[in-house]
Amino acid sequence: MSVEEIFSSKGRVKVLKSLAERGEMNISEITRKTNLNHTTTSAHLRRLCDLGIVEEKRFGRIRIFRFKKEDPRAWAVQTLFESFKKGV
């Protein structure tokens, strides 16, 4: 996995930023927060899960997404977004 794959799309960056700000979110929340449609959001989340940065938890039909805490790359990406939020 390369940095380019993670940040290759403005929509994907919006999804990552939303997860960094809110922690765990379902796909409907992410869709509203990013102003992306459901299909596009789902595709970005699927790719981020495939890359190992984001993980999905299922509770019946509800899917919750968050950064994969065990992955140091996920931690680095989340920290990057948090540093911009704080103005560091």
PDB file of N, CA and C in Angstrom:
ATOM      1  N   MET A   1       0.849  -1.181   0.000  1.00  0.00           N
ATOM      2  CA  MET A   1       0.000   0.000   0.000  1.00  0.00           C
ATOM      3  C   MET A   1       0.888   1.236   0.000  1.00  0.00           C
ATOM      4  N   SER A   2       0.501   2.219  -0.776  1.00  0.00           N
ATOM      5  CA  SER A   2       1.263   3.459  -0.834  1.00  0.00           C
ATOM      6  C   SER A   2       0.410   4.619  -0.317  1.00  0.00           C
ATOM      7  N   VAL A   3       1.093   5.684   0.016  1.00  0.00           N
ATOM      8  CA  VAL A   3       0.410   6.898   0.462  1.00  0.00           C
ATOM      9  C   VAL A   3      -0.524   7.401  -0.630  1.00  0.00           C
ATOM     10  N   GLU A   4      -0.093   7.263  -1.869  1.00  0.00           N
ATOM     11  CA  GLU A   4      -0.910   7.720  -2.982  1.00  0.00           C
ATOM     12  C   GLU A   4      -2.253   6.995  -3.038  1.00  0.00           C
ATOM     13  N   GLU A   5      -2.253   5.699  -2.726  1.00  0.00           N
ATOM     14  CA  GLU A   5      -3.499   4.933  -2.732  1.00  0.00           C
ATOM     15  C   GLU A   5      -4.469   5.449  -1.668  1.00  0.00           C
ATOM     16  N   ILE A   6      -3.942   5.806  -0.525  1.00  0.00           N
ATOM     17  CA  ILE A   6      -4.794   6.287   0.570  1.00  0.00           C
ATOM     18  C   ILE A   6      -5.390   7.646   0.233  1.00  0.00           C
ATOM     19  N   PHE A   7      -4.566   8.544  -0.283  1.00  0.00           N
ATOM     20  CA  PHE A   7      -4.988   9.921  -0.520  1.00  0.00           C
ATOM     21  C   PHE A   7      -5.255  10.219  -1.995  1.00  0.00           C
ATOM     22  N   SER A   8      -5.565   9.193  -2.789  1.00  0.00           N
ATOM     23  CA  SER A   8      -5.703   9.365  -4.232  1.00  0.00           C
ATOM     24  C   SER A   8      -6.999  10.046  -4.667  1.00  0.00           C
ATOM     25  N   SER A   9      -7.919  10.240  -3.764  1.00  0.00           N
ATOM     26  CA  SER A   9      -9.214  10.797  -4.121  1.00  0.00           C
ATOM     27  C   SER A   9      -9.653  11.825  -3.081  1.00  0.00           C
ATOM     28  N   LYS A  10     -10.188  12.930  -3.572  1.00  0.00           N
ATOM     29  CA  LYS A  10     -10.699  13.957  -2.660  1.00  0.00           C
ATOM     30  C   LYS A  10     -11.834  13.390  -1.802  1.00  0.00           C
ATOM     31  N   GLY A  11     -12.671  12.559  -2.395  1.00  0.00           N
ATOM     32  CA  GLY A  11     -13.757  11.929  -1.648  1.00  0.00           C
ATOM     33  C   GLY A  11     -13.229  11.021  -0.552  1.00  0.00           C
ATOM     34  N   ARG A  12     -12.192  10.260  -0.851  1.00  0.00           N
ATOM     35  CA  ARG A  12     -11.594   9.369   0.137  1.00  0.00           C
ATOM     36  C   ARG A  12     -11.006  10.173   1.291  1.00  0.00           C
ATOM     37  N   VAL A  13     -10.397  11.303   0.969  1.00  0.00           N
ATOM     38  CA  VAL A  13      -9.846  12.172   2.015  1.00  0.00           C
ATOM     39  C   VAL A  13     -10.974  12.706   2.895  1.00  0.00           C
ATOM     40  N   LYS A  14     -12.104  13.055   2.301  1.00  0.00           N
ATOM     41  CA  LYS A  14     -13.256  13.515   3.078  1.00  0.00           C
ATOM     42  C   LYS A  14     -13.745  12.434   4.036  1.00  0.00           C
ATOM     43  N   VAL A  15     -13.783  11.198   3.571  1.00  0.00           N
ATOM     44  CA  VAL A  15     -14.206  10.077   4.419  1.00  0.00           C
ATOM     45  C   VAL A  15     -13.236   9.911   5.575  1.00  0.00           C
ATOM     46  N   LEU A  16     -11.938   9.932   5.293  1.00  0.00           N
ATOM     47  CA  LEU A  16     -10.926   9.794   6.345  1.00  0.00           C
ATOM     48  C   LEU A  16     -11.018  10.932   7.358  1.00  0.00           C
ATOM     49  N   LYS A  17     -11.201  12.140   6.861  1.00  0.00           N
ATOM     50  CA  LYS A  17     -11.310  13.302   7.744  1.00  0.00           C
ATOM     51  C   LYS A  17     -12.524  13.173   8.665  1.00  0.00           C
ATOM     52  N   SER A  18     -13.640  12.727   8.129  1.00  0.00           N
ATOM     53  CA  SER A  18     -14.844  12.551   8.942  1.00  0.00           C
ATOM     54  C   SER A  18     -14.623  11.514  10.032  1.00  0.00           C
ATOM     55  N   LEU A  19     -13.995  10.406   9.680  1.00  0.00           N
ATOM     56  CA  LEU A  19     -13.714   9.368  10.681  1.00  0.00           C
ATOM     57  C   LEU A  19     -12.740   9.872  11.744  1.00  0.00           C
ATOM     58  N   ALA A  20     -11.763  10.673  11.338  1.00  0.00           N
ATOM     59  CA  ALA A  20     -10.811  11.231  12.310  1.00  0.00           C
ATOM     60  C   ALA A  20     -11.514  12.165  13.286  1.00  0.00           C
ATOM     61  N   GLU A  21     -12.489  12.911  12.794  1.00  0.00           N
ATOM     62  CA  GLU A  21     -13.204  13.869  13.644  1.00  0.00           C
ATOM     63  C   GLU A  21     -14.204  13.204  14.578  1.00  0.00           C
ATOM     64  N   ARG A  22     -14.875  12.166  14.106  1.00  0.00           N
ATOM     65  CA  ARG A  22     -15.979  11.591  14.868  1.00  0.00           C
ATOM     66  C   ARG A  22     -15.690  10.230  15.482  1.00  0.00           C
ATOM     67  N   GLY A  23     -14.607   9.575  15.076  1.00  0.00           N
ATOM     68  CA  GLY A  23     -14.319   8.239  15.596  1.00  0.00           C
ATOM     69  C   GLY A  23     -15.078   7.195  14.808  1.00  0.00           C
ATOM     70  N   GLU A  24     -16.106   6.640  15.384  1.00  0.00           N
ATOM     71  CA  GLU A  24     -16.917   5.634  14.707  1.00  0.00           C
ATOM     72  C   GLU A  24     -18.148   6.277  14.086  1.00  0.00           C
ATOM     73  N   MET A  25     -18.473   5.823  12.878  1.00  0.00           N
ATOM     74  CA  MET A  25     -19.649   6.350  12.196  1.00  0.00           C
ATOM     75  C   MET A  25     -20.259   5.267  11.320  1.00  0.00           C
ATOM     76  N   ASN A  26     -21.583   5.354  11.120  1.00  0.00           N
ATOM     77  CA  ASN A  26     -22.194   4.459  10.140  1.00  0.00           C
ATOM     78  C   ASN A  26     -22.144   5.135   8.775  1.00  0.00           C
ATOM     79  N   ILE A  27     -22.473   4.380   7.752  1.00  0.00           N
ATOM     80  CA  ILE A  27     -22.321   4.893   6.393  1.00  0.00           C
ATOM     81  C   ILE A  27     -23.239   6.084   6.118  1.00  0.00           C
ATOM     82  N   SER A  28     -24.419   6.111   6.723  1.00  0.00           N
ATOM     83  CA  SER A  28     -25.329   7.242   6.525  1.00  0.00           C
ATOM     84  C   SER A  28     -24.751   8.521   7.113  1.00  0.00           C
ATOM     85  N   GLU A  29     -24.146   8.422   8.277  1.00  0.00           N
ATOM     86  CA  GLU A  29     -23.509   9.598   8.892  1.00  0.00           C
ATOM     87  C   GLU A  29     -22.349  10.099   8.039  1.00  0.00           C
ATOM     88  N   ILE A  30     -21.548   9.174   7.543  1.00  0.00           N
ATOM     89  CA  ILE A  30     -20.413   9.554   6.703  1.00  0.00           C
ATOM     90  C   ILE A  30     -20.900  10.217   5.423  1.00  0.00           C
ATOM     91  N   THR A  31     -21.945   9.669   4.837  1.00  0.00           N
ATOM     92  CA  THR A  31     -22.515  10.221   3.604  1.00  0.00           C
ATOM     93  C   THR A  31     -22.987  11.659   3.828  1.00  0.00           C
ATOM     94  N   ARG A  32     -23.699  11.890   4.921  1.00  0.00           N
ATOM     95  CA  ARG A  32     -24.177  13.246   5.231  1.00  0.00           C
ATOM     96  C   ARG A  32     -23.017  14.199   5.492  1.00  0.00           C
ATOM     97  N   LYS A  33     -22.051  13.764   6.269  1.00  0.00           N
ATOM     98  CA  LYS A  33     -20.932  14.631   6.661  1.00  0.00           C
ATOM     99  C   LYS A  33     -20.050  14.999   5.468  1.00  0.00           C
ATOM    100  N   THR A  34     -19.885  14.079   4.532  1.00  0.00           N
ATOM    101  CA  THR A  34     -18.986  14.315   3.402  1.00  0.00           C
ATOM    102  C   THR A  34     -19.673  14.897   2.165  1.00  0.00           C
ATOM    103  N   ASN A  35     -20.998  14.895   2.168  1.00  0.00           N
ATOM    104  CA  ASN A  35     -21.773  15.332   1.000  1.00  0.00           C
ATOM    105  C   ASN A  35     -21.487  14.475  -0.232  1.00  0.00           C
ATOM    106  N   LEU A  36     -21.194  13.203  -0.007  1.00  0.00           N
ATOM    107  CA  LEU A  36     -21.014  12.244  -1.087  1.00  0.00           C
ATOM    108  C   LEU A  36     -22.252  11.361  -1.153  1.00  0.00           C
ATOM    109  N   ASN A  37     -22.510  10.748  -2.294  1.00  0.00           N
ATOM    110  CA  ASN A  37     -23.649   9.852  -2.356  1.00  0.00           C
ATOM    111  C   ASN A  37     -23.284   8.501  -1.721  1.00  0.00           C
ATOM    112  N   HIS A  38     -24.300   7.711  -1.459  1.00  0.00           N
ATOM    113  CA  HIS A  38     -24.112   6.448  -0.747  1.00  0.00           C
ATOM    114  C   HIS A  38     -23.183   5.491  -1.505  1.00  0.00           C
ATOM    115  N   THR A  39     -23.354   5.382  -2.811  1.00  0.00           N
ATOM    116  CA  THR A  39     -22.539   4.472  -3.621  1.00  0.00           C
ATOM    117  C   THR A  39     -21.063   4.863  -3.580  1.00  0.00           C
ATOM    118  N   THR A  40     -20.793   6.147  -3.732  1.00  0.00           N
ATOM    119  CA  THR A  40     -19.412   6.637  -3.702  1.00  0.00           C
ATOM    120  C   THR A  40     -18.795   6.430  -2.330  1.00  0.00           C
ATOM    121  N   THR A  41     -19.543   6.758  -1.284  1.00  0.00           N
ATOM    122  CA  THR A  41     -19.050   6.577   0.086  1.00  0.00           C
ATOM    123  C   THR A  41     -18.744   5.114   0.349  1.00  0.00           C
ATOM    124  N   SER A  42     -19.637   4.250  -0.060  1.00  0.00           N
ATOM    125  CA  SER A  42     -19.445   2.821   0.133  1.00  0.00           C
ATOM    126  C   SER A  42     -18.195   2.317  -0.593  1.00  0.00           C
ATOM    127  N   ALA A  43     -17.964   2.798  -1.799  1.00  0.00           N
ATOM    128  CA  ALA A  43     -16.782   2.395  -2.569  1.00  0.00           C
ATOM    129  C   ALA A  43     -15.500   2.850  -1.881  1.00  0.00           C
ATOM    130  N   HIS A  44     -15.494   4.085  -1.373  1.00  0.00           N
ATOM    131  CA  HIS A  44     -14.309   4.585  -0.660  1.00  0.00           C
ATOM    132  C   HIS A  44     -14.061   3.776   0.611  1.00  0.00           C
ATOM    133  N   LEU A  45     -15.111   3.494   1.344  1.00  0.00           N
ATOM    134  CA  LEU A  45     -14.957   2.714   2.574  1.00  0.00           C
ATOM    135  C   LEU A  45     -14.461   1.304   2.278  1.00  0.00           C
ATOM    136  N   ARG A  46     -14.981   0.705   1.225  1.00  0.00           N
ATOM    137  CA  ARG A  46     -14.532  -0.638   0.837  1.00  0.00           C
ATOM    138  C   ARG A  46     -13.040  -0.622   0.520  1.00  0.00           C
ATOM    139  N   ARG A  47     -12.595   0.385  -0.221  1.00  0.00           N
ATOM    140  CA  ARG A  47     -11.170   0.489  -0.581  1.00  0.00           C
ATOM    141  C   ARG A  47     -10.312   0.719   0.656  1.00  0.00           C
ATOM    142  N   LEU A  48     -10.771   1.579   1.563  1.00  0.00           N
ATOM    143  CA  LEU A  48     -10.010   1.850   2.787  1.00  0.00           C
ATOM    144  C   LEU A  48      -9.932   0.608   3.674  1.00  0.00           C
ATOM    145  N   CYS A  49     -10.987  -0.177   3.688  1.00  0.00           N
ATOM    146  CA  CYS A  49     -10.960  -1.451   4.430  1.00  0.00           C
ATOM    147  C   CYS A  49      -9.979  -2.416   3.768  1.00  0.00           C
ATOM    148  N   ASP A  50      -9.994  -2.473   2.442  1.00  0.00           N
ATOM    149  CA  ASP A  50      -9.062  -3.341   1.711  1.00  0.00           C
ATOM    150  C   ASP A  50      -7.610  -2.941   1.964  1.00  0.00           C
ATOM    151  N   LEU A  51      -7.365  -1.643   2.109  1.00  0.00           N
ATOM    152  CA  LEU A  51      -6.015  -1.150   2.375  1.00  0.00           C
ATOM    153  C   LEU A  51      -5.588  -1.374   3.829  1.00  0.00           C
ATOM    154  N   GLY A  52      -6.552  -1.703   4.695  1.00  0.00           N
ATOM    155  CA  GLY A  52      -6.235  -1.984   6.092  1.00  0.00           C
ATOM    156  C   GLY A  52      -6.225  -0.776   6.999  1.00  0.00           C
ATOM    157  N   ILE A  53      -6.687   0.362   6.507  1.00  0.00           N
ATOM    158  CA  ILE A  53      -6.694   1.597   7.298  1.00  0.00           C
ATOM    159  C   ILE A  53      -7.965   1.713   8.129  1.00  0.00           C
ATOM    160  N   VAL A  54      -9.070   1.261   7.565  1.00  0.00           N
ATOM    161  CA  VAL A  54     -10.381   1.359   8.209  1.00  0.00           C
ATOM    162  C   VAL A  54     -10.912  -0.059   8.434  1.00  0.00           C
ATOM    163  N   GLU A  55     -11.661  -0.216   9.523  1.00  0.00           N
ATOM    164  CA  GLU A  55     -12.308  -1.497   9.776  1.00  0.00           C
ATOM    165  C   GLU A  55     -13.806  -1.299   9.906  1.00  0.00           C
ATOM    166  N   GLU A  56     -14.521  -2.367   9.608  1.00  0.00           N
ATOM    167  CA  GLU A  56     -15.978  -2.355   9.638  1.00  0.00           C
ATOM    168  C   GLU A  56     -16.464  -3.329  10.698  1.00  0.00           C
ATOM    169  N   LYS A  57     -17.413  -2.866  11.505  1.00  0.00           N
ATOM    170  CA  LYS A  57     -18.087  -3.743  12.471  1.00  0.00           C
ATOM    171  C   LYS A  57     -19.542  -3.830  12.035  1.00  0.00           C
ATOM    172  N   ARG A  58     -20.095  -5.018  12.080  1.00  0.00           N
ATOM    173  CA  ARG A  58     -21.495  -5.213  11.686  1.00  0.00           C
ATOM    174  C   ARG A  58     -22.339  -5.569  12.900  1.00  0.00           C
ATOM    175  N   PHE A  59     -23.478  -4.917  12.981  1.00  0.00           N
ATOM    176  CA  PHE A  59     -24.491  -5.210  13.983  1.00  0.00           C
ATOM    177  C   PHE A  59     -25.797  -5.413  13.226  1.00  0.00           C
ATOM    178  N   GLY A  60     -25.997  -6.625  12.738  1.00  0.00           N
ATOM    179  CA  GLY A  60     -27.141  -6.874  11.870  1.00  0.00           C
ATOM    180  C   GLY A  60     -26.931  -6.157  10.554  1.00  0.00           C
ATOM    181  N   ARG A  61     -27.853  -5.280  10.202  1.00  0.00           N
ATOM    182  CA  ARG A  61     -27.743  -4.519   8.957  1.00  0.00           C
ATOM    183  C   ARG A  61     -26.927  -3.249   9.120  1.00  0.00           C
ATOM    184  N   ILE A  62     -26.637  -2.877  10.351  1.00  0.00           N
ATOM    185  CA  ILE A  62     -25.891  -1.644  10.609  1.00  0.00           C
ATOM    186  C   ILE A  62     -24.394  -1.917  10.508  1.00  0.00           C
ATOM    187  N   ARG A  63     -23.726  -1.066   9.739  1.00  0.00           N
ATOM    188  CA  ARG A  63     -22.275  -1.176   9.589  1.00  0.00           C
ATOM    189  C   ARG A  63     -21.628   0.072  10.179  1.00  0.00           C
ATOM    190  N   ILE A  64     -20.697  -0.139  11.083  1.00  0.00           N
ATOM    191  CA  ILE A  64     -19.975   0.951  11.731  1.00  0.00           C
ATOM    192  C   ILE A  64     -18.527   0.912  11.252  1.00  0.00           C
ATOM    193  N   PHE A  65     -17.999   2.075  10.892  1.00  0.00           N
ATOM    194  CA  PHE A  65     -16.632   2.178  10.393  1.00  0.00           C
ATOM    195  C   PHE A  65     -15.802   3.029  11.340  1.00  0.00           C
ATOM    196  N   ARG A  66     -14.514   2.671  11.432  1.00  0.00           N
ATOM    197  CA  ARG A  66     -13.562   3.441  12.236  1.00  0.00           C
ATOM    198  C   ARG A  66     -12.158   3.118  11.751  1.00  0.00           C
ATOM    199  N   PHE A  67     -11.200   3.951  12.179  1.00  0.00           N
ATOM    200  CA  PHE A  67      -9.810   3.645  11.873  1.00  0.00           C
ATOM    201  C   PHE A  67      -9.435   2.340  12.558  1.00  0.00           C
ATOM    202  N   LYS A  68      -8.633   1.533  11.906  1.00  0.00           N
ATOM    203  CA  LYS A  68      -8.177   0.265  12.463  1.00  0.00           C
ATOM    204  C   LYS A  68      -7.061   0.567  13.467  1.00  0.00           C
ATOM    205  N   LYS A  69      -7.398   0.508  14.733  1.00  0.00           N
ATOM    206  CA  LYS A  69      -6.506   0.969  15.793  1.00  0.00           C
ATOM    207  C   LYS A  69      -5.186   0.208  15.866  1.00  0.00           C
ATOM    208  N   GLU A  70      -5.184  -1.072  15.456  1.00  0.00           N
ATOM    209  CA  GLU A  70      -3.975  -1.886  15.562  1.00  0.00           C
ATOM    210  C   GLU A  70      -2.958  -1.563  14.469  1.00  0.00           C
ATOM    211  N   ASP A  71      -3.372  -0.875  13.432  1.00  0.00           N
ATOM    212  CA  ASP A  71      -2.492  -0.602  12.297  1.00  0.00           C
ATOM    213  C   ASP A  71      -1.775   0.729  12.492  1.00  0.00           C
ATOM    214  N   PRO A  72      -0.440   0.738  12.535  1.00  0.00           N
ATOM    215  CA  PRO A  72       0.289   1.993  12.736  1.00  0.00           C
ATOM    216  C   PRO A  72       0.064   3.011  11.620  1.00  0.00           C
ATOM    217  N   ARG A  73      -0.224   2.520  10.403  1.00  0.00           N
ATOM    218  CA  ARG A  73      -0.512   3.450   9.305  1.00  0.00           C
ATOM    219  C   ARG A  73      -1.830   4.168   9.545  1.00  0.00           C
ATOM    220  N   ALA A  74      -2.821   3.452  10.056  1.00  0.00           N
ATOM    221  CA  ALA A  74      -4.113   4.066  10.369  1.00  0.00           C
ATOM    222  C   ALA A  74      -3.937   5.120  11.457  1.00  0.00           C
ATOM    223  N   TRP A  75      -3.130   4.780  12.465  1.00  0.00           N
ATOM    224  CA  TRP A  75      -2.859   5.734  13.545  1.00  0.00           C
ATOM    225  C   TRP A  75      -2.192   6.982  12.980  1.00  0.00           C
ATOM    226  N   ALA A  76      -1.235   6.810  12.061  1.00  0.00           N
ATOM    227  CA  ALA A  76      -0.532   7.950  11.471  1.00  0.00           C
ATOM    228  C   ALA A  76      -1.485   8.838  10.675  1.00  0.00           C
ATOM    229  N   VAL A  77      -2.382   8.226   9.902  1.00  0.00           N
ATOM    230  CA  VAL A  77      -3.345   9.002   9.109  1.00  0.00           C
ATOM    231  C   VAL A  77      -4.290   9.761  10.037  1.00  0.00           C
ATOM    232  N   GLN A  78      -4.795   9.091  11.066  1.00  0.00           N
ATOM    233  CA  GLN A  78      -5.704   9.741  12.011  1.00  0.00           C
ATOM    234  C   GLN A  78      -4.995  10.892  12.719  1.00  0.00           C
ATOM    235  N   THR A  79      -3.766  10.687  13.132  1.00  0.00           N
ATOM    236  CA  THR A  79      -2.992  11.724  13.802  1.00  0.00           C
ATOM    237  C   THR A  79      -2.761  12.916  12.885  1.00  0.00           C
ATOM    238  N   LEU A  80      -2.514  12.655  11.608  1.00  0.00           N
ATOM    239  CA  LEU A  80      -2.334  13.732  10.635  1.00  0.00           C
ATOM    240  C   LEU A  80      -3.566  14.629  10.589  1.00  0.00           C
ATOM    241  N   PHE A  81      -4.746  14.037  10.469  1.00  0.00           N
ATOM    242  CA  PHE A  81      -5.977  14.829  10.421  1.00  0.00           C
ATOM    243  C   PHE A  81      -6.218  15.564  11.739  1.00  0.00           C
ATOM    244  N   GLU A  82      -5.941  14.919  12.842  1.00  0.00           N
ATOM    245  CA  GLU A  82      -6.126  15.564  14.144  1.00  0.00           C
ATOM    246  C   GLU A  82      -5.183  16.754  14.308  1.00  0.00           C
ATOM    247  N   SER A  83      -3.972  16.669  13.780  1.00  0.00           N
ATOM    248  CA  SER A  83      -3.032  17.779  13.905  1.00  0.00           C
ATOM    249  C   SER A  83      -3.505  18.992  13.116  1.00  0.00           C
ATOM    250  N   PHE A  84      -4.150  18.772  11.968  1.00  0.00           N
ATOM    251  CA  PHE A  84      -4.688  19.890  11.209  1.00  0.00           C
ATOM    252  C   PHE A  84      -5.888  20.504  11.917  1.00  0.00           C
ATOM    253  N   LYS A  85      -6.669  19.674  12.576  1.00  0.00           N
ATOM    254  CA  LYS A  85      -7.836  20.161  13.305  1.00  0.00           C
ATOM    255  C   LYS A  85      -7.408  21.075  14.450  1.00  0.00           C
ATOM    256  N   LYS A  86      -6.320  20.717  15.110  1.00  0.00           N
ATOM    257  CA  LYS A  86      -5.829  21.481  16.258  1.00  0.00           C
ATOM    258  C   LYS A  86      -5.032  22.701  15.819  1.00  0.00           C
ATOM    259  N   GLY A  87      -4.682  22.769  14.547  1.00  0.00           N
ATOM    260  CA  GLY A  87      -3.911  23.911  14.065  1.00  0.00           C
ATOM    261  C   GLY A  87      -2.455  23.830  14.431  1.00  0.00           C
ATOM    262  N   VAL A  88      -1.954  22.625  14.634  1.00  0.00           N
ATOM    263  CA  VAL A  88      -0.543  22.446  15.015  1.00  0.00           C
ATOM    264  C   VAL A  88       0.341  22.635  13.826  1.00  0.00           C
TER     265      VAL A  88
END
